[in-house]
Amino acid sequence: LIQLAKSTDNQKLLKELMNSSYMNVRRAILKNINITKDIVMYLSSDPTKNISYQAKIHKLYEAYREPIIKYHKTDNNRCVTCTIDEEMLGEYCRYC
């Protein structure tokens, strides 16, 4: 599912995947070059901080970015800004 989320150009499938119960799948969608602004905006309010953070720094995110950057600088949670590929998270992180 992660590879599919990163590469599909099927908008209907992307909209299904953005509701996946797997956070790695939802996060992988943000790396897909075929996503729309609507998908980015939807994921910006994801309950998983890492996903909402990644959505808010995505180039398609429309809202004002400064508050999220300030939040990042004061947040000590490495999981929020994690850049490890979704397929590798299980090997590197046992807590997310």
C-alpha atoms as a PDB file:
ATOM      1  CA  LEU A   1       0.000   0.000   0.000  1.00  0.00           C
ATOM      2  CA  ILE A   2       2.860   2.396   0.707  1.00  0.00           C
ATOM      3  CA  GLN A   3       4.277   2.070  -2.808  1.00  0.00           C
ATOM      4  CA  LEU A   4       0.800   2.525  -4.248  1.00  0.00           C
ATOM      5  CA  ALA A   5       0.230   5.623  -2.122  1.00  0.00           C
ATOM      6  CA  LYS A   6       3.514   7.107  -3.371  1.00  0.00           C
ATOM      7  CA  SER A   7       2.991   6.408  -7.051  1.00  0.00           C
ATOM      8  CA  THR A   8      -0.631   6.100  -8.166  1.00  0.00           C
ATOM      9  CA  ASP A   9      -2.193   8.770 -10.330  1.00  0.00           C
ATOM     10  CA  ASN A  10      -5.707   7.470  -9.672  1.00  0.00           C
ATOM     11  CA  GLN A  11      -7.432  10.247  -7.722  1.00  0.00           C
ATOM     12  CA  LYS A  12     -10.246   7.995  -6.513  1.00  0.00           C
ATOM     13  CA  LEU A  13      -7.710   5.567  -5.062  1.00  0.00           C
ATOM     14  CA  LEU A  14      -5.731   8.396  -3.448  1.00  0.00           C
ATOM     15  CA  LYS A  15      -8.886   9.629  -1.734  1.00  0.00           C
ATOM     16  CA  GLU A  16      -9.511   6.121  -0.401  1.00  0.00           C
ATOM     17  CA  LEU A  17      -5.916   5.801   0.786  1.00  0.00           C
ATOM     18  CA  MET A  18      -5.993   9.138   2.606  1.00  0.00           C
ATOM     19  CA  ASN A  19      -8.522   7.522   4.952  1.00  0.00           C
ATOM     20  CA  SER A  20      -6.348   4.473   5.558  1.00  0.00           C
ATOM     21  CA  SER A  21      -6.041   3.287   9.138  1.00  0.00           C
ATOM     22  CA  TYR A  22      -2.285   2.982   8.506  1.00  0.00           C
ATOM     23  CA  MET A  23      -0.431   6.210   9.240  1.00  0.00           C
ATOM     24  CA  ASN A  24       2.453   5.173   6.987  1.00  0.00           C
ATOM     25  CA  VAL A  25       0.095   4.991   4.024  1.00  0.00           C
ATOM     26  CA  ARG A  26      -1.405   8.414   4.747  1.00  0.00           C
ATOM     27  CA  ARG A  27       2.082   9.883   5.163  1.00  0.00           C
ATOM     28  CA  ALA A  28       3.314   8.273   1.927  1.00  0.00           C
ATOM     29  CA  ILE A  29       0.529   9.999  -0.007  1.00  0.00           C
ATOM     30  CA  LEU A  30       2.241  13.329   0.695  1.00  0.00           C
ATOM     31  CA  LYS A  31       5.230  12.129  -1.377  1.00  0.00           C
ATOM     32  CA  ASN A  32       3.046  11.422  -4.400  1.00  0.00           C
ATOM     33  CA  ILE A  33       3.484  14.013  -7.167  1.00  0.00           C
ATOM     34  CA  ASN A  34      -0.098  13.409  -8.320  1.00  0.00           C
ATOM     35  CA  ILE A  35      -1.902  14.555  -5.177  1.00  0.00           C
ATOM     36  CA  THR A  36      -4.231  17.515  -5.209  1.00  0.00           C
ATOM     37  CA  LYS A  37      -4.491  20.535  -2.945  1.00  0.00           C
ATOM     38  CA  ASP A  38      -7.663  19.023  -1.437  1.00  0.00           C
ATOM     39  CA  ILE A  39      -5.765  15.931  -0.310  1.00  0.00           C
ATOM     40  CA  VAL A  40      -2.993  18.033   1.243  1.00  0.00           C
ATOM     41  CA  MET A  41      -5.509  20.225   3.042  1.00  0.00           C
ATOM     42  CA  TYR A  42      -7.375  17.154   4.337  1.00  0.00           C
ATOM     43  CA  LEU A  43      -4.163  15.564   5.644  1.00  0.00           C
ATOM     44  CA  SER A  44      -3.126  18.832   7.296  1.00  0.00           C
ATOM     45  CA  SER A  45      -5.680  18.086  10.001  1.00  0.00           C
ATOM     46  CA  ASP A  46      -4.704  14.433  10.413  1.00  0.00           C
ATOM     47  CA  PRO A  47      -4.611  13.413  14.104  1.00  0.00           C
ATOM     48  CA  THR A  48      -1.100  11.985  13.620  1.00  0.00           C
ATOM     49  CA  LYS A  49       1.229  14.939  14.165  1.00  0.00           C
ATOM     50  CA  ASN A  50       3.853  13.743  11.690  1.00  0.00           C
ATOM     51  CA  ILE A  51       1.284  13.620   8.881  1.00  0.00           C
ATOM     52  CA  SER A  52      -0.303  16.970   9.647  1.00  0.00           C
ATOM     53  CA  TYR A  53       3.157  18.566   9.920  1.00  0.00           C
ATOM     54  CA  GLN A  54       4.288  17.110   6.578  1.00  0.00           C
ATOM     55  CA  ALA A  55       1.051  18.320   4.959  1.00  0.00           C
ATOM     56  CA  LYS A  56       1.499  21.824   6.356  1.00  0.00           C
ATOM     57  CA  ILE A  57       4.967  22.152   4.859  1.00  0.00           C
ATOM     58  CA  HIS A  58       3.872  20.659   1.518  1.00  0.00           C
ATOM     59  CA  LYS A  59       4.076  23.047  -1.440  1.00  0.00           C
ATOM     60  CA  LEU A  60       0.330  22.683  -2.090  1.00  0.00           C
ATOM     61  CA  TYR A  61      -0.673  23.725   1.433  1.00  0.00           C
ATOM     62  CA  GLU A  62      -2.505  27.039   1.188  1.00  0.00           C
ATOM     63  CA  ALA A  63      -2.656  28.285   4.765  1.00  0.00           C
ATOM     64  CA  TYR A  64      -0.071  30.505   6.387  1.00  0.00           C
ATOM     65  CA  ARG A  65       3.026  28.408   7.116  1.00  0.00           C
ATOM     66  CA  GLU A  66       4.790  30.418   9.836  1.00  0.00           C
ATOM     67  CA  PRO A  67       2.885  28.954  12.831  1.00  0.00           C
ATOM     68  CA  ILE A  68       3.841  25.370  11.901  1.00  0.00           C
ATOM     69  CA  ILE A  69       7.493  26.330  11.459  1.00  0.00           C
ATOM     70  CA  LYS A  70       7.503  28.052  14.873  1.00  0.00           C
ATOM     71  CA  TYR A  71       5.810  24.969  16.361  1.00  0.00           C
ATOM     72  CA  HIS A  72       8.516  22.732  14.902  1.00  0.00           C
ATOM     73  CA  LYS A  73      11.302  24.809  16.407  1.00  0.00           C
ATOM     74  CA  THR A  74       9.841  24.508  19.890  1.00  0.00           C
ATOM     75  CA  ASP A  75       8.671  20.899  19.626  1.00  0.00           C
ATOM     76  CA  ASN A  76      11.013  18.267  21.043  1.00  0.00           C
ATOM     77  CA  ASN A  77       9.163  15.342  19.475  1.00  0.00           C
ATOM     78  CA  ARG A  78      11.407  13.883  16.743  1.00  0.00           C
ATOM     79  CA  CYS A  79       8.519  11.827  15.373  1.00  0.00           C
ATOM     80  CA  VAL A  80       6.770  14.979  14.163  1.00  0.00           C
ATOM     81  CA  THR A  81       9.566  15.950  11.772  1.00  0.00           C
ATOM     82  CA  CYS A  82      10.741  12.423  10.968  1.00  0.00           C
ATOM     83  CA  THR A  83      11.938  12.020   7.381  1.00  0.00           C
ATOM     84  CA  ILE A  84      12.615   8.276   7.363  1.00  0.00           C
ATOM     85  CA  ASP A  85      10.869   6.558   4.463  1.00  0.00           C
ATOM     86  CA  GLU A  86       7.561   4.951   5.389  1.00  0.00           C
ATOM     87  CA  GLU A  87       8.764   1.511   4.308  1.00  0.00           C
ATOM     88  CA  MET A  88      11.688   1.725   6.728  1.00  0.00           C
ATOM     89  CA  LEU A  89       9.923   3.079   9.820  1.00  0.00           C
ATOM     90  CA  GLY A  90       9.432  -0.362  11.349  1.00  0.00           C
ATOM     91  CA  GLU A  91      13.182  -0.910  11.351  1.00  0.00           C
ATOM     92  CA  TYR A  92      14.084   2.484  12.805  1.00  0.00           C
ATOM     93  CA  CYS A  93      11.279   3.502  15.097  1.00  0.00           C
ATOM     94  CA  ARG A  94       9.368   1.363  17.524  1.00  0.00           C
ATOM     95  CA  TYR A  95       7.319   4.183  19.071  1.00  0.00           C
ATOM     96  CA  CYS A  96       5.375   5.948  16.290  1.00  0.00           C
END
